[in-house]
C-alpha atoms as a PDB file:
ATOM      1  CA  MET A   1     103.749 116.708 176.573  1.00  0.00           C
ATOM      2  CA  HIS A   2     103.971 114.283 173.502  1.00  0.00           C
ATOM      3  CA  GLU A   3     106.979 115.189 171.506  1.00  0.00           C
ATOM      4  CA  ARG A   4     106.386 115.129 167.825  1.00  0.00           C
ATOM      5  CA  VAL A   5     109.371 114.696 165.244  1.00  0.00           C
ATOM      6  CA  ALA A   6     109.615 115.221 161.596  1.00  0.00           C
ATOM      7  CA  ILE A   7     112.698 114.394 159.657  1.00  0.00           C
ATOM      8  CA  VAL A   8     113.200 115.989 156.390  1.00  0.00           C
ATOM      9  CA  ALA A   9     115.852 114.935 154.115  1.00  0.00           C
ATOM     10  CA  GLU A  10     116.681 115.829 150.476  1.00  0.00           C
ATOM     11  CA  ASN A  11     115.610 112.859 148.168  1.00  0.00           C
ATOM     12  CA  GLY A  12     117.639 113.727 145.011  1.00  0.00           C
ATOM     13  CA  GLN A  13     114.444 114.268 143.077  1.00  0.00           C
ATOM     14  CA  GLY A  14     114.913 117.638 141.351  1.00  0.00           C
ATOM     15  CA  PRO A  15     116.625 120.600 143.113  1.00  0.00           C
ATOM     16  CA  PHE A  16     114.163 120.888 146.028  1.00  0.00           C
ATOM     17  CA  GLY A  17     112.767 117.401 146.509  1.00  0.00           C
ATOM     18  CA  ALA A  18     112.551 115.963 150.067  1.00  0.00           C
ATOM     19  CA  THR A  19     110.978 113.308 151.920  1.00  0.00           C
ATOM     20  CA  VAL A  20     109.255 114.071 155.184  1.00  0.00           C
ATOM     21  CA  THR A  21     109.162 111.170 157.580  1.00  0.00           C
ATOM     22  CA  MET A  22     106.963 111.360 160.634  1.00  0.00           C
ATOM     23  CA  GLY A  23     106.697 108.062 162.505  1.00  0.00           C
ATOM     24  CA  ALA A  24     105.649 105.377 159.944  1.00  0.00           C
ATOM     25  CA  HIS A  25     104.491 107.993 157.340  1.00  0.00           C
ATOM     26  CA  GLU A  26     106.557 109.283 154.496  1.00  0.00           C
ATOM     27  CA  ILE A  27     105.433 112.227 152.518  1.00  0.00           C
ATOM     28  CA  PRO A  28     107.218 113.963 149.533  1.00  0.00           C
ATOM     29  CA  ALA A  29     107.826 117.667 149.654  1.00  0.00           C
ATOM     30  CA  ASP A  30     108.886 119.940 146.955  1.00  0.00           C
ATOM     31  CA  GLU A  31     108.564 123.481 145.599  1.00  0.00           C
ATOM     32  CA  PRO A  32     106.070 124.089 142.732  1.00  0.00           C
ATOM     33  CA  THR A  33     107.272 124.163 139.106  1.00  0.00           C
ATOM     34  CA  ASP A  34     106.989 128.034 138.982  1.00  0.00           C
ATOM     35  CA  LEU A  35     109.580 128.219 141.788  1.00  0.00           C
ATOM     36  CA  GLY A  36     112.085 125.802 140.221  1.00  0.00           C
ATOM     37  CA  GLY A  37     110.801 122.476 141.806  1.00  0.00           C
ATOM     38  CA  LEU A  38     109.253 119.581 140.299  1.00  0.00           C
ATOM     39  CA  GLY A  39     105.876 119.915 142.009  1.00  0.00           C
ATOM     40  CA  ALA A  40     106.191 116.474 143.377  1.00  0.00           C
ATOM     41  CA  GLY A  41     104.656 117.064 146.698  1.00  0.00           C
ATOM     42  CA  PRO A  42     103.262 119.846 148.986  1.00  0.00           C
ATOM     43  CA  ASP A  43     105.547 122.952 149.569  1.00  0.00           C
ATOM     44  CA  PRO A  44     106.532 124.001 153.109  1.00  0.00           C
ATOM     45  CA  TYR A  45     103.610 126.437 153.399  1.00  0.00           C
ATOM     46  CA  GLU A  46     101.102 123.738 152.201  1.00  0.00           C
ATOM     47  CA  PHE A  47     102.228 121.545 155.031  1.00  0.00           C
ATOM     48  CA  LEU A  48     101.657 124.318 157.456  1.00  0.00           C
ATOM     49  CA  LEU A  49      98.062 124.979 156.055  1.00  0.00           C
ATOM     50  CA  ALA A  50      97.323 121.298 156.328  1.00  0.00           C
ATOM     51  CA  GLY A  51      98.444 121.203 159.840  1.00  0.00           C
ATOM     52  CA  LEU A  52      96.119 124.095 160.744  1.00  0.00           C
ATOM     53  CA  GLY A  53      93.244 122.613 158.699  1.00  0.00           C
ATOM     54  CA  ALA A  54      93.689 119.019 160.231  1.00  0.00           C
ATOM     55  CA  CYS A  55      94.085 120.462 163.860  1.00  0.00           C
ATOM     56  CA  THR A  56      90.785 122.510 163.183  1.00  0.00           C
ATOM     57  CA  THR A  57      88.711 119.641 162.018  1.00  0.00           C
ATOM     58  CA  MET A  58      89.979 117.226 164.653  1.00  0.00           C
ATOM     59  CA  THR A  59      89.262 119.798 167.544  1.00  0.00           C
ATOM     60  CA  LEU A  60      85.731 120.382 166.123  1.00  0.00           C
ATOM     61  CA  ARG A  61      85.006 116.791 165.902  1.00  0.00           C
ATOM     62  CA  LEU A  62      86.185 116.162 169.467  1.00  0.00           C
ATOM     63  CA  TYR A  63      84.135 119.089 170.807  1.00  0.00           C
ATOM     64  CA  ALA A  64      80.977 117.971 169.013  1.00  0.00           C
ATOM     65  CA  GLN A  65      81.313 114.473 170.142  1.00  0.00           C
ATOM     66  CA  ARG A  66      81.774 115.506 173.733  1.00  0.00           C
ATOM     67  CA  LYS A  67      78.746 117.605 173.480  1.00  0.00           C
ATOM     68  CA  GLY A  68      76.603 114.991 171.711  1.00  0.00           C
ATOM     69  CA  TRP A  69      75.982 117.631 168.731  1.00  0.00           C
ATOM     70  CA  PRO A  70      74.707 116.263 165.343  1.00  0.00           C
ATOM     71  CA  LEU A  71      77.980 117.198 163.338  1.00  0.00           C
ATOM     72  CA  ASP A  72      78.106 114.899 160.314  1.00  0.00           C
ATOM     73  CA  ARG A  73      81.125 116.314 158.678  1.00  0.00           C
ATOM     74  CA  VAL A  74      83.804 118.986 158.886  1.00  0.00           C
ATOM     75  CA  GLU A  75      85.632 120.521 155.881  1.00  0.00           C
ATOM     76  CA  VAL A  76      88.145 123.373 156.353  1.00  0.00           C
ATOM     77  CA  THR A  77      89.720 125.357 153.614  1.00  0.00           C
ATOM     78  CA  VAL A  78      92.895 127.311 154.771  1.00  0.00           C
ATOM     79  CA  ARG A  79      94.479 129.921 152.795  1.00  0.00           C
ATOM     80  CA  HIS A  80      97.674 131.953 153.285  1.00  0.00           C
ATOM     81  CA  ALA A  81      97.793 135.005 151.111  1.00  0.00           C
ATOM     82  CA  GLU A  82      99.578 137.646 153.125  1.00  0.00           C
ATOM     83  CA  ARG A  83     103.067 137.140 154.226  1.00  0.00           C
ATOM     84  CA  ALA A  84     105.388 139.268 156.471  1.00  0.00           C
ATOM     85  CA  SER A  85     108.211 138.256 154.223  1.00  0.00           C
ATOM     86  CA  GLU A  86     106.538 140.000 151.460  1.00  0.00           C
ATOM     87  CA  GLY A  87     105.771 143.265 153.177  1.00  0.00           C
ATOM     88  CA  ALA A  88     102.536 142.272 155.132  1.00  0.00           C
ATOM     89  CA  ALA A  89     102.490 143.467 158.792  1.00  0.00           C
ATOM     90  CA  LYS A  90     102.336 139.800 159.706  1.00  0.00           C
ATOM     91  CA  ASP A  91     101.325 136.621 158.008  1.00  0.00           C
ATOM     92  CA  VAL A  92      97.575 136.140 157.665  1.00  0.00           C
ATOM     93  CA  PHE A  93      95.564 132.922 157.475  1.00  0.00           C
ATOM     94  CA  THR A  94      92.174 132.541 156.431  1.00  0.00           C
ATOM     95  CA  ARG A  95      90.061 129.469 157.376  1.00  0.00           C
ATOM     96  CA  GLU A  96      86.721 128.625 156.040  1.00  0.00           C
ATOM     97  CA  ILE A  97      84.856 126.030 157.931  1.00  0.00           C
ATOM     98  CA  ARG A  98      81.956 123.999 156.587  1.00  0.00           C
ATOM     99  CA  LEU A  99      79.928 122.353 159.161  1.00  0.00           C
ATOM    100  CA  ASP A 100      77.510 119.664 157.897  1.00  0.00           C
ATOM    101  CA  GLY A 101      74.827 118.459 160.163  1.00  0.00           C
ATOM    102  CA  ASP A 102      71.552 119.578 161.873  1.00  0.00           C
ATOM    103  CA  LEU A 103      73.202 122.085 164.155  1.00  0.00           C
ATOM    104  CA  SER A 104      71.676 125.025 165.763  1.00  0.00           C
ATOM    105  CA  THR A 105      72.747 128.664 165.137  1.00  0.00           C
ATOM    106  CA  GLU A 106      74.292 128.626 168.700  1.00  0.00           C
ATOM    107  CA  GLU A 107      75.988 125.402 168.123  1.00  0.00           C
ATOM    108  CA  ARG A 108      77.613 126.614 164.862  1.00  0.00           C
ATOM    109  CA  ALA A 109      78.674 129.976 166.505  1.00  0.00           C
ATOM    110  CA  ARG A 110      80.303 127.948 169.382  1.00  0.00           C
ATOM    111  CA  LEU A 111      82.123 125.690 166.971  1.00  0.00           C
ATOM    112  CA  LEU A 112      83.442 128.738 165.220  1.00  0.00           C
ATOM    113  CA  HIS A 113      84.756 130.010 168.583  1.00  0.00           C
ATOM    114  CA  ILE A 114      86.283 126.639 169.193  1.00  0.00           C
ATOM    115  CA  ALA A 115      88.229 126.559 165.997  1.00  0.00           C
ATOM    116  CA  GLU A 116      90.222 129.472 167.420  1.00  0.00           C
ATOM    117  CA  ARG A 117      91.282 127.199 170.297  1.00  0.00           C
ATOM    118  CA  CYS A 118      92.763 124.420 168.267  1.00  0.00           C
ATOM    119  CA  PRO A 119      96.364 123.954 169.483  1.00  0.00           C
ATOM    120  CA  VAL A 120      97.874 124.664 166.036  1.00  0.00           C
ATOM    121  CA  SER A 121      95.790 127.859 165.658  1.00  0.00           C
ATOM    122  CA  LYS A 122      96.874 128.875 169.214  1.00  0.00           C
ATOM    123  CA  THR A 123     100.569 128.192 168.266  1.00  0.00           C
ATOM    124  CA  LEU A 124     100.461 130.308 165.111  1.00  0.00           C
ATOM    125  CA  ALA A 125      98.643 133.091 166.887  1.00  0.00           C
ATOM    126  CA  ALA A 126     101.040 133.145 169.796  1.00  0.00           C
ATOM    127  CA  GLY A 127     104.277 133.083 167.637  1.00  0.00           C
ATOM    128  CA  SER A 128     107.010 130.535 168.383  1.00  0.00           C
ATOM    129  CA  THR A 129     110.550 130.241 169.456  1.00  0.00           C
ATOM    130  CA  ILE A 130     112.799 128.296 167.161  1.00  0.00           C
ATOM    131  CA  ARG A 131     116.120 126.817 168.278  1.00  0.00           C
ATOM    132  CA  SER A 132     118.617 125.601 165.780  1.00  0.00           C
ATOM    133  CA  THR A 133     121.590 123.493 166.236  1.00  0.00           C
ATOM    134  CA  LEU A 134     124.259 121.621 164.031  1.00  0.00           C
ATOM    135  CA  SER A 135     124.575 117.815 164.340  1.00  0.00           C
ATOM    136  CA  ASP A 136     127.977 116.466 164.821  1.00  0.00           C
ATOM    137  CA  ALA A 137     127.030 113.387 162.632  1.00  0.00           C
ATOM    138  CA  GLY A 138     127.822 113.497 158.895  1.00  0.00           C
ATOM    139  CA  LEU A 139     129.737 116.678 158.843  1.00  0.00           C
ATOM    140  CA  ILE A 140     131.059 117.410 155.307  1.00  0.00           C
ATOM    141  CA  GLY A 141     134.725 116.639 155.198  1.00  0.00           C
ATOM    142  CA  ASP A 142     134.480 114.584 158.419  1.00  0.00           C
ATOM    143  CA  ALA A 143     137.410 112.036 158.651  1.00  0.00           C
ATOM    144  CA  THR A 144     135.046 109.320 159.683  1.00  0.00           C
ATOM    145  CA  SER A 145     132.502 109.599 156.668  1.00  0.00           C
END
């Protein structure tokens, strides 16, 4: 398995501003202005939506290429409107998939089915275990700081 790592650190830009570092990529993160942030980057749920959308487009592209299907372009719009933290039974994500190309009805139906099998989709549907630990480095009040 390929381990993925994201490092997120406050960047001092407003009360919630952070920088997300993933390999050679740095992306700002923030809360929207109506929640007290500066709106200087995607919020945490937008990152989650982007991950699901990106995984879906890449999975569909890979599958169509393997099958030799005439898929010209994939566009995925992902929405998150129902949250368990706000009283829903569980979080609900909706994914609208646009497939451009001279695809048959059967090919389109198969690609819709394959979208459910993208790894991020499967992770969200199955749920996850999150393990948290505290780092010893940089403890507040640490005599070595």
